[in-house]
Structure formats: C-alpha cells, structure tokens
C-alpha cells in the first residue's frame, strides 16, 4: 500500500513525534576531546588553523579537562609537544615527558575523567615521521615497535586509562599488549588507530602538534584513501593482536569504511573527526555559509549513525553544551 494511504510525513509533524522516533541519539557520552599539551606555565597558544583550539601548559590543561568533565564528556586524548626533538623521539617515552606529567596532573584533579594517551613518535622526532629511520630515510617498522611499547608503558604507569597507538606500524598492537601485560597492566585497554588513512585532512593538526614531516609523506605506512577492503584486514589484525577498541580516521570522508568495520566485527569502534573536518566547518560557519551548530550536530550524528560508538572531535565541548541546551 502506498500514497495516499501511507504518508510518512504524519510521524514528522511535531518535535515530539520526531523525538520519539529518532533512531540515532547523540549525547556527550559519545565524545572524546583531543587536547595538546606543552611545557611551561599559564600558557595558552591558539592554533591559527583551528579556531577555539589551543596548545596548553599542564596547569591550563587541567582547568580545561575539568570543564570538559563538567560538560559530561567522559574522556580526553592527549598529544604532547616536547621541549626538544631528536631522531629517536626520546620525550615520547620519557617518564618525565610532557604527556606523562599531564596524565598525572589530570588524574589527580579530575580522577573520574578517562585520559587516553596517543602513542606515536611523530610529535617528538626531529624528522616528523612516526618511527625510527633507516640510513636511507625509510621508516623502520620493527625497530620502532619497542619504543612505541615503551611509550605505552610509561603512559600506563603515569595513570592513563587507555593507550592509543596511531603510528600505523605493523604489529604494534601485539607488542604493546605484551609489554603492558608483562608489567601488570592487563586492565589497560588499547584503542588502535586501525584504519588510519594518509589524508589531506590532517593539516591543521600538524600545526597544533608541530608534527609535519620534514621530508616526504606518510603514505608508506598510512592507508591509501582509495582502499576499503584493506581497512577490514587492518582491523582484523589489530583485534587479533589484542586491540580493545578500533578506530577509523578520518571520520566524515570514510563513513562507508566505518560502517563496514562495525558490520564486520561488531567490536567497540571509534571514529576521529579530524582537524581538517573541524577547520572546514569552523571556516564556513564564520563566513555565515553554514549554521555551525546545526552542521556540527548533523555531522556528529552521521558519524554515530554510520557505526561509531565514540567520536573523537574538537567540537566535543561545544556539542556537549548544545545538546544540554536542547534538553533544558
């Protein structure tokens, strides 16, 4: 039976009907807020390409983490900017490094906020790549793995609630899981950037984290944007190695991949609405070309609808406020 007997608009007529029949419900509980931490005191360095985002010293970071928690956002993920960079990314696995210090400070002041620690070397190496280099300048997968595992252990010892390897080295989840388990951190989950694409959407992040490669690019270890089946193989391997949560990055341009991952494995799945996605919406909103609030909430709803159980987004604070206002 079809029109005129069936009229789907009948159940869209009022806000109450729409609310009752909504299939995807977005909430602050879905968000993870990325934060950038630097050495020093009382520092807030705005990131020009990401309006509303700043590099923060530990004291200011703790203040913002408390604000995030008060808005109902359950987790943050930390990215560090070191005092000095070197070929081995030494501060990335230093127990007195900036991220380890920030973890301890947040957990002291906001103990119930989940703190994830990004595990990668790109912010800490003087060449900007995610691993150690061979003499010919190629990223050396296998010699990088022990350093990534060491970083994960340092963050767990500092009090991190999860470690999140983002480097895309083969085998890193298994090596991290083994070292954590050997040191009695069997309870610490691994959030694997399992399907991380070599995307053009990362530009503003590289400004924020000062992590642009000094030469070449990352296409030799991050995924080709043309591939989808490969993402399923990556996710399957990471789950076999012990990943507890798998991630698709970026989110918006890869909703098909996100849906396939969730359908294929049913594992807890995260998606990262990356810096370029954030910057594009911000710029269009400032120009008046789109309604920023509606566009943000629509984009986040779409990511959740595609299968994300959690969304890493720089809009977490704003979105949490807007969703709270809608409920009042």
Foldseek 3Di string as FASTA:
>chain_A
DDPPVDDPCVQVVDPVSCVVPDPFDDALQQEEEEAEEEDDPPDWADQVLFPPHTHYHLVVVLVVLVLSVVLVNQEYEYAYAFPAAALALVLLLDLPHRLLVSLLSNCVRPVRRAYEYEQFRLLRHPQLAGAHADPVGDHDQPVRLVVSLSSLCSNVVSPHQEYEYDRQRPPNLLSNCVSCVVVVNNNRAYEYQQQFAQDPLAVSVCSRSVRAGNDDGNPVRHDHPVDQVVSLVSVVRNVVSGHQEYEYPAQQVVLVSQLCNCVVPVGQYEHENHSSNSSVLVVCCVVVVDVSLVVVVVSVSSSVVSPHSHYYYNCSSVNSVVVVVVVD
